[in-house]
N, C-alpha and C. Protein backbone atom coordinates (compact mmCIF):
# COMPACT_ATOMS: atom_id res chain seq x y z
N MET A 1 0.85 -1.16 0.00
CA MET A 1 0.00 0.00 0.00
C MET A 1 0.90 1.23 0.00
N LEU A 2 0.65 2.15 -0.91
CA LEU A 2 1.39 3.41 -0.97
C LEU A 2 0.58 4.48 -0.27
N VAL A 3 1.22 5.24 0.61
CA VAL A 3 0.53 6.28 1.36
C VAL A 3 1.25 7.61 1.20
N ASN A 4 0.50 8.69 1.19
CA ASN A 4 1.07 10.03 1.10
C ASN A 4 1.60 10.49 2.45
N VAL A 5 2.77 11.12 2.43
CA VAL A 5 3.34 11.70 3.63
C VAL A 5 3.16 13.21 3.53
N LYS A 6 2.62 13.81 4.56
CA LYS A 6 2.26 15.22 4.54
C LYS A 6 3.45 16.16 4.34
N ASP A 7 4.51 15.95 5.12
CA ASP A 7 5.66 16.86 5.07
C ASP A 7 6.88 16.22 5.71
N GLU A 8 7.98 16.97 5.73
CA GLU A 8 9.25 16.47 6.27
C GLU A 8 9.14 16.08 7.74
N GLU A 9 8.42 16.88 8.51
CA GLU A 9 8.25 16.59 9.94
C GLU A 9 7.58 15.23 10.14
N HIS A 10 6.52 14.97 9.38
CA HIS A 10 5.83 13.69 9.48
C HIS A 10 6.74 12.54 9.04
N LEU A 11 7.46 12.73 7.93
CA LEU A 11 8.35 11.67 7.44
C LEU A 11 9.39 11.30 8.49
N LYS A 12 10.01 12.30 9.10
CA LYS A 12 11.03 12.02 10.12
C LYS A 12 10.44 11.22 11.28
N ALA A 13 9.25 11.60 11.72
CA ALA A 13 8.60 10.88 12.83
C ALA A 13 8.25 9.46 12.42
N TYR A 14 7.73 9.28 11.21
CA TYR A 14 7.36 7.94 10.73
C TYR A 14 8.59 7.03 10.62
N VAL A 15 9.67 7.55 10.06
CA VAL A 15 10.87 6.74 9.87
C VAL A 15 11.51 6.41 11.22
N LYS A 16 11.66 7.41 12.06
CA LYS A 16 12.29 7.20 13.37
C LYS A 16 11.50 6.22 14.24
N ASN A 17 10.17 6.34 14.22
CA ASN A 17 9.32 5.54 15.12
C ASN A 17 8.63 4.37 14.45
N LYS A 18 8.91 4.16 13.16
CA LYS A 18 8.39 3.01 12.39
C LYS A 18 6.87 2.88 12.47
N PHE A 19 6.19 3.94 12.04
CA PHE A 19 4.74 3.90 11.98
C PHE A 19 4.24 4.88 10.92
N TYR A 20 2.94 4.80 10.66
CA TYR A 20 2.24 5.78 9.81
C TYR A 20 0.85 5.89 10.40
N HIS A 21 0.27 7.09 10.34
CA HIS A 21 -1.12 7.20 10.78
C HIS A 21 -1.90 8.12 9.86
N ILE A 22 -3.21 7.91 9.88
CA ILE A 22 -4.11 8.65 9.00
C ILE A 22 -5.48 8.70 9.67
N PRO A 23 -6.20 9.82 9.48
CA PRO A 23 -7.55 9.86 10.04
C PRO A 23 -8.39 8.69 9.48
N ALA A 24 -9.06 7.98 10.37
CA ALA A 24 -9.86 6.82 9.95
C ALA A 24 -10.91 7.24 8.92
N SER A 25 -11.41 8.46 9.01
CA SER A 25 -12.44 8.93 8.08
C SER A 25 -11.92 9.08 6.65
N ARG A 26 -10.61 9.18 6.47
CA ARG A 26 -10.02 9.35 5.14
C ARG A 26 -9.66 8.02 4.49
N LEU A 27 -9.81 6.94 5.24
CA LEU A 27 -9.42 5.64 4.71
C LEU A 27 -10.59 4.66 4.88
N SER A 28 -11.46 4.66 3.90
CA SER A 28 -12.64 3.81 4.00
C SER A 28 -12.47 2.48 3.27
N ASN A 29 -11.48 2.36 2.40
CA ASN A 29 -11.37 1.15 1.59
C ASN A 29 -10.05 0.41 1.80
N LEU A 30 -9.66 0.20 3.03
CA LEU A 30 -8.44 -0.54 3.31
C LEU A 30 -8.62 -1.99 2.88
N ARG A 31 -7.73 -2.46 2.03
CA ARG A 31 -7.80 -3.84 1.56
C ARG A 31 -7.27 -4.80 2.60
N LEU A 32 -7.87 -5.96 2.66
CA LEU A 32 -7.36 -7.02 3.52
C LEU A 32 -6.09 -7.58 2.91
N GLY A 33 -5.21 -8.09 3.72
CA GLY A 33 -4.01 -8.75 3.21
C GLY A 33 -2.86 -7.82 2.89
N VAL A 34 -2.97 -6.54 3.23
CA VAL A 34 -1.86 -5.62 3.00
C VAL A 34 -0.71 -6.02 3.91
N ALA A 35 0.46 -6.23 3.33
CA ALA A 35 1.61 -6.68 4.11
C ALA A 35 2.70 -5.61 4.24
N TYR A 36 2.74 -4.66 3.29
CA TYR A 36 3.78 -3.63 3.30
C TYR A 36 3.15 -2.27 3.08
N LEU A 37 3.84 -1.25 3.58
CA LEU A 37 3.40 0.12 3.42
C LEU A 37 4.60 0.92 2.91
N ALA A 38 4.40 1.71 1.86
CA ALA A 38 5.47 2.55 1.30
C ALA A 38 5.07 4.01 1.39
N PHE A 39 6.04 4.87 1.68
CA PHE A 39 5.79 6.30 1.85
C PHE A 39 6.01 7.06 0.55
N TYR A 40 4.99 7.77 0.09
CA TYR A 40 5.12 8.63 -1.08
C TYR A 40 5.34 10.07 -0.61
N GLU A 41 6.44 10.66 -1.07
CA GLU A 41 6.79 12.03 -0.73
C GLU A 41 6.51 12.89 -1.96
N SER A 42 5.53 13.79 -1.86
CA SER A 42 5.08 14.57 -3.02
C SER A 42 6.11 15.61 -3.47
N LYS A 43 6.01 15.99 -4.75
CA LYS A 43 6.89 17.05 -5.29
C LYS A 43 6.64 18.35 -4.54
N LYS A 44 5.39 18.61 -4.22
CA LYS A 44 5.02 19.86 -3.54
C LYS A 44 5.71 19.99 -2.18
N SER A 45 5.74 18.91 -1.41
CA SER A 45 6.30 18.98 -0.06
C SER A 45 7.77 18.61 0.04
N PHE A 46 8.29 17.84 -0.93
CA PHE A 46 9.66 17.33 -0.81
C PHE A 46 10.57 17.73 -1.97
N SER A 47 10.07 18.41 -2.95
CA SER A 47 10.78 18.87 -4.15
C SER A 47 11.78 17.84 -4.69
N GLU A 48 13.08 18.06 -4.54
CA GLU A 48 14.11 17.21 -5.14
C GLU A 48 14.07 15.75 -4.70
N GLY A 49 13.78 15.50 -3.44
CA GLY A 49 13.79 14.13 -2.93
C GLY A 49 12.46 13.42 -3.08
N SER A 50 11.54 14.01 -3.83
CA SER A 50 10.20 13.45 -3.92
C SER A 50 10.20 12.06 -4.55
N GLY A 51 9.14 11.34 -4.28
CA GLY A 51 9.00 9.98 -4.78
C GLY A 51 8.84 9.02 -3.62
N ILE A 52 9.23 7.77 -3.83
CA ILE A 52 9.16 6.77 -2.77
C ILE A 52 10.58 6.36 -2.42
N ASN A 53 10.91 6.49 -1.15
CA ASN A 53 12.26 6.20 -0.67
C ASN A 53 12.29 5.14 0.43
N PHE A 54 11.13 4.88 1.07
CA PHE A 54 11.07 3.94 2.18
C PHE A 54 9.83 3.07 2.09
N TYR A 55 9.97 1.84 2.55
CA TYR A 55 8.81 0.98 2.77
C TYR A 55 9.09 0.10 3.97
N GLY A 56 8.02 -0.42 4.57
CA GLY A 56 8.18 -1.28 5.74
C GLY A 56 7.14 -2.37 5.79
N LYS A 57 7.48 -3.44 6.47
CA LYS A 57 6.55 -4.55 6.65
C LYS A 57 5.59 -4.19 7.78
N LEU A 58 4.31 -4.39 7.51
CA LEU A 58 3.27 -4.06 8.46
C LEU A 58 3.25 -5.06 9.62
N LYS A 59 3.27 -4.53 10.83
CA LYS A 59 3.23 -5.38 12.03
C LYS A 59 1.79 -5.47 12.56
N GLU A 60 1.15 -4.30 12.71
CA GLU A 60 -0.24 -4.27 13.19
C GLU A 60 -0.89 -2.94 12.85
N VAL A 61 -2.22 -2.95 12.86
CA VAL A 61 -3.00 -1.73 12.63
C VAL A 61 -3.91 -1.58 13.84
N LYS A 62 -3.96 -0.37 14.38
CA LYS A 62 -4.86 -0.14 15.52
C LYS A 62 -5.52 1.23 15.39
N ARG A 63 -6.65 1.36 16.04
CA ARG A 63 -7.38 2.63 16.09
C ARG A 63 -7.01 3.34 17.39
N TYR A 64 -6.89 4.66 17.30
CA TYR A 64 -6.64 5.44 18.50
C TYR A 64 -7.06 6.88 18.25
N LYS A 65 -7.13 7.67 19.30
CA LYS A 65 -7.46 9.09 19.19
C LYS A 65 -6.17 9.84 18.89
N ARG A 66 -6.29 10.89 18.11
CA ARG A 66 -5.12 11.65 17.66
C ARG A 66 -4.25 12.12 18.83
N TYR A 67 -4.87 12.50 19.94
CA TYR A 67 -4.08 13.00 21.08
C TYR A 67 -3.13 11.93 21.64
N MET A 68 -3.35 10.67 21.32
CA MET A 68 -2.51 9.59 21.83
C MET A 68 -1.18 9.47 21.06
N CYS A 69 -1.04 10.19 19.97
CA CYS A 69 0.19 10.16 19.19
C CYS A 69 1.15 11.21 19.75
N SER A 70 2.20 10.74 20.40
CA SER A 70 3.17 11.67 21.01
C SER A 70 4.30 12.05 20.04
N GLU A 71 4.42 11.32 18.94
CA GLU A 71 5.54 11.54 18.02
C GLU A 71 5.38 12.77 17.12
N ILE A 72 4.13 13.17 16.86
CA ILE A 72 3.86 14.31 15.98
C ILE A 72 2.93 15.27 16.72
N PRO A 73 3.37 16.52 16.95
CA PRO A 73 2.53 17.49 17.68
C PRO A 73 1.20 17.74 16.96
N ILE A 74 0.16 17.97 17.74
CA ILE A 74 -1.17 18.29 17.20
C ILE A 74 -1.18 19.77 16.84
N LYS A 75 -1.67 20.07 15.64
CA LYS A 75 -1.70 21.47 15.20
C LYS A 75 -3.11 21.98 14.95
N ARG A 76 -4.07 21.09 14.66
CA ARG A 76 -5.38 21.55 14.21
C ARG A 76 -6.48 21.47 15.27
N GLY A 77 -6.18 21.05 16.44
CA GLY A 77 -7.22 20.90 17.44
C GLY A 77 -8.09 19.68 17.17
N ASN A 78 -7.50 18.64 16.62
CA ASN A 78 -8.24 17.42 16.28
C ASN A 78 -7.92 16.29 17.26
N GLU A 79 -7.73 16.64 18.51
CA GLU A 79 -7.30 15.69 19.53
C GLU A 79 -8.17 14.44 19.61
N ASP A 80 -9.48 14.58 19.44
CA ASP A 80 -10.41 13.46 19.61
C ASP A 80 -10.73 12.73 18.32
N GLU A 81 -10.13 13.15 17.21
CA GLU A 81 -10.40 12.46 15.95
C GLU A 81 -9.80 11.06 15.98
N GLU A 82 -10.56 10.09 15.43
CA GLU A 82 -10.08 8.71 15.40
C GLU A 82 -9.11 8.52 14.23
N TYR A 83 -7.98 7.90 14.51
CA TYR A 83 -6.94 7.63 13.53
C TYR A 83 -6.69 6.13 13.43
N LEU A 84 -6.16 5.72 12.29
CA LEU A 84 -5.62 4.37 12.14
C LEU A 84 -4.11 4.50 12.21
N ARG A 85 -3.50 3.67 13.02
CA ARG A 85 -2.05 3.70 13.19
C ARG A 85 -1.49 2.37 12.67
N PHE A 86 -0.57 2.46 11.72
CA PHE A 86 0.08 1.32 11.10
C PHE A 86 1.46 1.18 11.72
N GLU A 87 1.66 0.16 12.54
CA GLU A 87 2.97 -0.10 13.13
C GLU A 87 3.77 -0.93 12.14
N LEU A 88 5.04 -0.58 11.95
CA LEU A 88 5.91 -1.24 10.99
C LEU A 88 7.05 -1.95 11.70
N GLU A 89 7.45 -3.11 11.16
CA GLU A 89 8.57 -3.85 11.77
C GLU A 89 9.88 -3.11 11.55
N GLU A 90 10.28 -2.97 10.33
CA GLU A 90 11.51 -2.26 9.96
C GLU A 90 11.22 -1.45 8.71
N LEU A 91 11.90 -0.36 8.54
CA LEU A 91 11.79 0.41 7.30
C LEU A 91 13.00 0.10 6.43
N THR A 92 12.75 -0.08 5.16
CA THR A 92 13.81 -0.36 4.20
C THR A 92 13.96 0.86 3.30
N LYS A 93 15.18 1.34 3.17
CA LYS A 93 15.47 2.45 2.24
C LYS A 93 15.66 1.84 0.86
N ILE A 94 14.99 2.40 -0.13
CA ILE A 94 15.11 1.90 -1.50
C ILE A 94 15.58 3.02 -2.41
N ASN A 95 16.04 2.63 -3.61
CA ASN A 95 16.38 3.64 -4.61
C ASN A 95 15.11 4.41 -4.92
N ASN A 96 15.25 5.71 -5.01
CA ASN A 96 14.10 6.58 -5.21
C ASN A 96 13.25 6.16 -6.41
N ILE A 97 11.97 5.93 -6.15
CA ILE A 97 10.99 5.70 -7.22
C ILE A 97 10.41 7.07 -7.53
N LYS A 98 10.73 7.57 -8.69
CA LYS A 98 10.44 8.96 -9.03
C LYS A 98 8.99 9.18 -9.46
N PRO A 99 8.43 10.33 -9.06
CA PRO A 99 7.11 10.69 -9.59
C PRO A 99 7.28 11.07 -11.06
N VAL A 100 6.24 10.92 -11.83
CA VAL A 100 6.31 11.33 -13.23
C VAL A 100 5.44 12.58 -13.34
N GLU A 101 4.40 12.57 -14.13
CA GLU A 101 3.55 13.76 -14.23
C GLU A 101 2.75 13.98 -12.95
N TYR A 102 2.40 12.90 -12.31
CA TYR A 102 1.58 12.99 -11.10
C TYR A 102 2.07 11.93 -10.13
N GLY A 103 1.69 12.10 -8.87
CA GLY A 103 2.11 11.15 -7.85
C GLY A 103 1.09 10.07 -7.64
N THR A 104 0.72 9.89 -6.39
CA THR A 104 -0.23 8.85 -6.05
C THR A 104 -1.43 9.48 -5.36
N GLN A 105 -2.53 8.78 -5.37
CA GLN A 105 -3.71 9.25 -4.66
C GLN A 105 -3.44 9.12 -3.18
N LEU A 106 -4.45 9.35 -2.36
CA LEU A 106 -4.28 9.22 -0.91
C LEU A 106 -3.71 7.85 -0.58
N ILE A 107 -4.29 6.80 -1.15
CA ILE A 107 -3.82 5.43 -0.95
C ILE A 107 -3.84 4.75 -2.31
N THR A 108 -2.79 4.04 -2.64
CA THR A 108 -2.71 3.26 -3.87
C THR A 108 -2.14 1.90 -3.50
N TYR A 109 -2.50 0.90 -4.26
CA TYR A 109 -2.00 -0.44 -3.98
C TYR A 109 -1.08 -0.90 -5.10
N THR A 110 -0.06 -1.68 -4.74
CA THR A 110 0.87 -2.27 -5.69
C THR A 110 1.38 -3.57 -5.10
N THR A 111 2.39 -4.16 -5.73
CA THR A 111 2.98 -5.40 -5.20
C THR A 111 4.38 -5.12 -4.69
N LEU A 112 4.89 -5.99 -3.84
CA LEU A 112 6.24 -5.83 -3.33
C LEU A 112 7.25 -5.95 -4.47
N TYR A 113 7.01 -6.87 -5.40
CA TYR A 113 7.91 -7.02 -6.55
C TYR A 113 8.04 -5.70 -7.31
N LEU A 114 6.91 -5.07 -7.61
CA LEU A 114 6.96 -3.80 -8.34
C LEU A 114 7.64 -2.72 -7.51
N LEU A 115 7.36 -2.68 -6.23
CA LEU A 115 7.96 -1.69 -5.35
C LEU A 115 9.49 -1.81 -5.33
N GLU A 116 9.98 -3.03 -5.33
CA GLU A 116 11.43 -3.23 -5.28
C GLU A 116 12.11 -3.07 -6.63
N ASN A 117 11.34 -3.04 -7.72
CA ASN A 117 11.95 -2.98 -9.05
C ASN A 117 11.57 -1.76 -9.88
N ALA A 118 10.68 -0.94 -9.39
CA ALA A 118 10.20 0.20 -10.16
C ALA A 118 11.22 1.34 -10.15
N GLY A 119 11.23 2.09 -11.24
CA GLY A 119 12.05 3.29 -11.32
C GLY A 119 11.21 4.55 -11.22
N ASN A 120 9.90 4.42 -11.51
CA ASN A 120 8.99 5.56 -11.40
C ASN A 120 7.61 5.10 -10.98
N ILE A 121 6.78 6.04 -10.61
CA ILE A 121 5.44 5.77 -10.08
C ILE A 121 4.60 4.97 -11.07
N HIS A 122 4.69 5.27 -12.36
CA HIS A 122 3.90 4.54 -13.36
C HIS A 122 4.13 3.03 -13.28
N GLU A 123 5.35 2.63 -13.01
CA GLU A 123 5.69 1.22 -12.99
C GLU A 123 5.01 0.48 -11.84
N LEU A 124 4.53 1.20 -10.85
CA LEU A 124 3.86 0.57 -9.71
C LEU A 124 2.41 0.19 -10.03
N LYS A 125 1.94 0.60 -11.19
CA LYS A 125 0.54 0.39 -11.52
C LYS A 125 0.30 -0.72 -12.53
N LEU A 126 1.28 -1.58 -12.73
CA LEU A 126 1.11 -2.71 -13.64
C LEU A 126 0.05 -3.63 -13.04
N LYS A 127 -0.84 -4.15 -13.89
CA LYS A 127 -2.05 -4.80 -13.40
C LYS A 127 -1.98 -6.31 -13.22
N ASN A 128 -1.22 -7.00 -14.05
CA ASN A 128 -1.25 -8.46 -13.98
C ASN A 128 0.09 -9.03 -14.46
N ARG A 129 0.21 -10.35 -14.37
CA ARG A 129 1.46 -11.03 -14.72
C ARG A 129 1.87 -10.76 -16.17
N ASP A 130 0.91 -10.76 -17.10
CA ASP A 130 1.22 -10.50 -18.51
C ASP A 130 1.82 -9.11 -18.69
N GLU A 131 1.23 -8.13 -18.03
CA GLU A 131 1.73 -6.77 -18.15
C GLU A 131 3.11 -6.63 -17.51
N ILE A 132 3.33 -7.32 -16.41
CA ILE A 132 4.65 -7.30 -15.77
C ILE A 132 5.70 -7.91 -16.69
N GLU A 133 5.37 -9.05 -17.30
CA GLU A 133 6.32 -9.70 -18.22
C GLU A 133 6.62 -8.81 -19.42
N LEU A 134 5.58 -8.21 -19.99
CA LEU A 134 5.79 -7.29 -21.11
C LEU A 134 6.68 -6.13 -20.68
N TYR A 135 6.40 -5.59 -19.51
CA TYR A 135 7.18 -4.46 -19.03
C TYR A 135 8.66 -4.85 -18.85
N LYS A 136 8.91 -6.05 -18.30
CA LYS A 136 10.30 -6.52 -18.12
C LYS A 136 11.02 -6.57 -19.46
N ILE A 137 10.35 -7.10 -20.48
CA ILE A 137 10.95 -7.19 -21.81
C ILE A 137 11.26 -5.80 -22.34
N LEU A 138 10.29 -4.90 -22.25
CA LEU A 138 10.47 -3.54 -22.77
C LEU A 138 11.56 -2.79 -22.00
N LYS A 139 11.60 -2.98 -20.70
CA LYS A 139 12.62 -2.30 -19.89
C LYS A 139 14.01 -2.82 -20.26
N LYS A 140 14.13 -4.13 -20.48
CA LYS A 140 15.41 -4.72 -20.88
C LYS A 140 15.87 -4.14 -22.23
N ILE A 141 14.96 -4.08 -23.20
CA ILE A 141 15.30 -3.52 -24.52
C ILE A 141 15.70 -2.06 -24.37
N SER A 142 14.94 -1.33 -23.56
CA SER A 142 15.19 0.09 -23.34
C SER A 142 16.61 0.31 -22.79
N LYS A 143 17.00 -0.50 -21.81
CA LYS A 143 18.34 -0.37 -21.21
C LYS A 143 19.43 -0.77 -22.20
N GLU A 144 19.23 -1.90 -22.87
CA GLU A 144 20.26 -2.39 -23.80
C GLU A 144 20.49 -1.44 -24.95
N LYS A 145 19.44 -0.85 -25.48
CA LYS A 145 19.54 0.02 -26.66
C LYS A 145 19.62 1.51 -26.33
N GLY A 146 19.47 1.85 -25.04
CA GLY A 146 19.51 3.25 -24.65
C GLY A 146 18.30 4.03 -25.16
N LEU A 147 17.15 3.36 -25.20
CA LEU A 147 15.92 3.98 -25.69
C LEU A 147 15.04 4.40 -24.53
N LYS A 148 14.26 5.45 -24.73
CA LYS A 148 13.35 5.92 -23.70
C LYS A 148 12.06 5.11 -23.77
N LEU A 149 11.62 4.59 -22.62
CA LEU A 149 10.38 3.84 -22.52
C LEU A 149 9.37 4.69 -21.77
N LEU A 150 8.23 4.95 -22.40
CA LEU A 150 7.16 5.72 -21.78
C LEU A 150 5.96 4.82 -21.53
N ARG A 151 5.31 5.00 -20.40
CA ARG A 151 4.07 4.28 -20.14
C ARG A 151 2.94 5.27 -20.25
N LYS A 152 2.02 5.00 -21.16
CA LYS A 152 0.83 5.82 -21.32
C LYS A 152 -0.31 5.10 -20.61
N THR A 153 -1.50 5.66 -20.64
CA THR A 153 -2.64 5.06 -19.96
C THR A 153 -2.93 3.65 -20.44
N ASP A 154 -2.89 3.42 -21.74
CA ASP A 154 -3.28 2.12 -22.29
C ASP A 154 -2.22 1.46 -23.16
N CYS A 155 -0.99 1.97 -23.13
CA CYS A 155 0.06 1.39 -23.96
C CYS A 155 1.44 1.86 -23.49
N TYR A 156 2.47 1.34 -24.14
CA TYR A 156 3.85 1.78 -23.94
C TYR A 156 4.32 2.38 -25.26
N VAL A 157 5.28 3.28 -25.16
CA VAL A 157 5.92 3.82 -26.36
C VAL A 157 7.42 3.64 -26.16
N LEU A 158 8.03 2.92 -27.11
CA LEU A 158 9.46 2.66 -27.07
C LEU A 158 10.05 3.13 -28.39
N ASP A 159 10.85 4.17 -28.35
CA ASP A 159 11.47 4.71 -29.55
C ASP A 159 10.44 5.01 -30.63
N GLY A 160 9.31 5.59 -30.23
CA GLY A 160 8.26 5.97 -31.17
C GLY A 160 7.33 4.84 -31.57
N ARG A 161 7.59 3.63 -31.14
CA ARG A 161 6.75 2.48 -31.49
C ARG A 161 5.75 2.24 -30.37
N VAL A 162 4.49 2.04 -30.73
CA VAL A 162 3.41 1.85 -29.77
C VAL A 162 3.21 0.36 -29.50
N ILE A 163 3.25 -0.01 -28.22
CA ILE A 163 3.08 -1.40 -27.81
C ILE A 163 1.90 -1.47 -26.84
N GLU A 164 0.90 -2.29 -27.18
CA GLU A 164 -0.29 -2.42 -26.35
C GLU A 164 -0.42 -3.85 -25.84
N MET A 165 -0.77 -4.00 -24.57
CA MET A 165 -1.05 -5.31 -23.99
C MET A 165 -2.51 -5.61 -24.23
N LEU A 166 -2.80 -6.71 -24.93
CA LEU A 166 -4.18 -7.06 -25.26
C LEU A 166 -4.77 -8.09 -24.30
N GLY A 167 -3.93 -8.82 -23.60
CA GLY A 167 -4.41 -9.85 -22.68
C GLY A 167 -4.06 -11.22 -23.20
N HIS A 168 -4.05 -12.19 -22.30
CA HIS A 168 -3.75 -13.58 -22.64
C HIS A 168 -2.43 -13.72 -23.39
N GLY A 169 -1.45 -12.88 -23.04
CA GLY A 169 -0.13 -12.98 -23.65
C GLY A 169 0.00 -12.33 -25.01
N GLU A 170 -1.05 -11.70 -25.50
CA GLU A 170 -0.98 -11.06 -26.81
C GLU A 170 -0.68 -9.57 -26.68
N VAL A 171 0.11 -9.08 -27.63
CA VAL A 171 0.43 -7.66 -27.69
C VAL A 171 0.24 -7.16 -29.12
N ARG A 172 0.07 -5.85 -29.23
CA ARG A 172 -0.01 -5.22 -30.55
C ARG A 172 1.13 -4.23 -30.64
N VAL A 173 1.97 -4.39 -31.66
CA VAL A 173 3.09 -3.48 -31.89
C VAL A 173 2.81 -2.78 -33.21
N ASP A 174 2.62 -1.47 -33.13
CA ASP A 174 2.32 -0.67 -34.32
C ASP A 174 1.19 -1.29 -35.15
N GLY A 175 0.16 -1.79 -34.48
CA GLY A 175 -0.99 -2.34 -35.18
C GLY A 175 -0.92 -3.83 -35.48
N ARG A 176 0.24 -4.45 -35.36
CA ARG A 176 0.40 -5.88 -35.66
C ARG A 176 0.30 -6.69 -34.36
N ILE A 177 -0.55 -7.73 -34.33
CA ILE A 177 -0.78 -8.53 -33.13
C ILE A 177 0.13 -9.76 -33.14
N GLY A 178 0.69 -10.03 -31.96
CA GLY A 178 1.55 -11.20 -31.79
C GLY A 178 1.65 -11.59 -30.33
N GLU A 179 2.48 -12.56 -30.04
CA GLU A 179 2.69 -13.02 -28.66
C GLU A 179 3.71 -12.12 -27.96
N ALA A 180 3.52 -11.93 -26.66
CA ALA A 180 4.43 -11.08 -25.88
C ALA A 180 5.87 -11.59 -25.95
N GLY A 181 6.05 -12.89 -25.93
CA GLY A 181 7.39 -13.46 -25.99
C GLY A 181 8.13 -13.17 -27.28
N GLU A 182 7.42 -12.85 -28.35
CA GLU A 182 8.03 -12.58 -29.65
C GLU A 182 8.39 -11.10 -29.83
N ILE A 183 7.96 -10.29 -28.92
CA ILE A 183 8.12 -8.84 -29.07
C ILE A 183 9.59 -8.43 -29.10
N GLU A 184 10.41 -9.14 -28.33
CA GLU A 184 11.83 -8.76 -28.26
C GLU A 184 12.47 -8.80 -29.62
N ASP A 185 12.21 -9.86 -30.41
CA ASP A 185 12.78 -9.96 -31.74
C ASP A 185 12.28 -8.85 -32.66
N GLU A 186 11.02 -8.50 -32.51
CA GLU A 186 10.44 -7.49 -33.39
C GLU A 186 10.97 -6.09 -33.08
N LEU A 187 11.25 -5.81 -31.82
CA LEU A 187 11.67 -4.47 -31.44
C LEU A 187 13.18 -4.25 -31.50
N VAL A 188 13.94 -5.31 -31.63
CA VAL A 188 15.40 -5.17 -31.63
C VAL A 188 15.91 -4.75 -32.98
């Protein structure tokens, strides 16, 4: 689960004390089975260091009143507001996952594999195994050939060539349909 960090003061408290908290009213759709939490630092609040730099394994989630949090001073007079507190086992520093045109919503979900291998926020939004495999192939070609790989809403663009994931292992490259495994030969 990717979560937004308000500012530098909050980030320091979260990292030092291995937790994250959010008003319970702002988080209505917490998914079951969340095992890790990653901190998104916005361009607005963190400028140069923005992106994702830390993640941690979730230990427990508990409800409490805001006044019970001693790590971050209360500023808005919201002492009695109910918060969810995510306790983390350890925080892991990762290579910065950079924001692209936009960051993340209040809460976004991804996989640990994508979190550990992504270079930018777009890469965290791959939907299924086929798309991950296609992305790995395209990223490999991009690195080997020194080509820029862009992820658009519904396709990838590699050196001006449009690649679309159609499902069931099929892709379309510049209008021609084929198997994802064959794409490497076609794009090289």
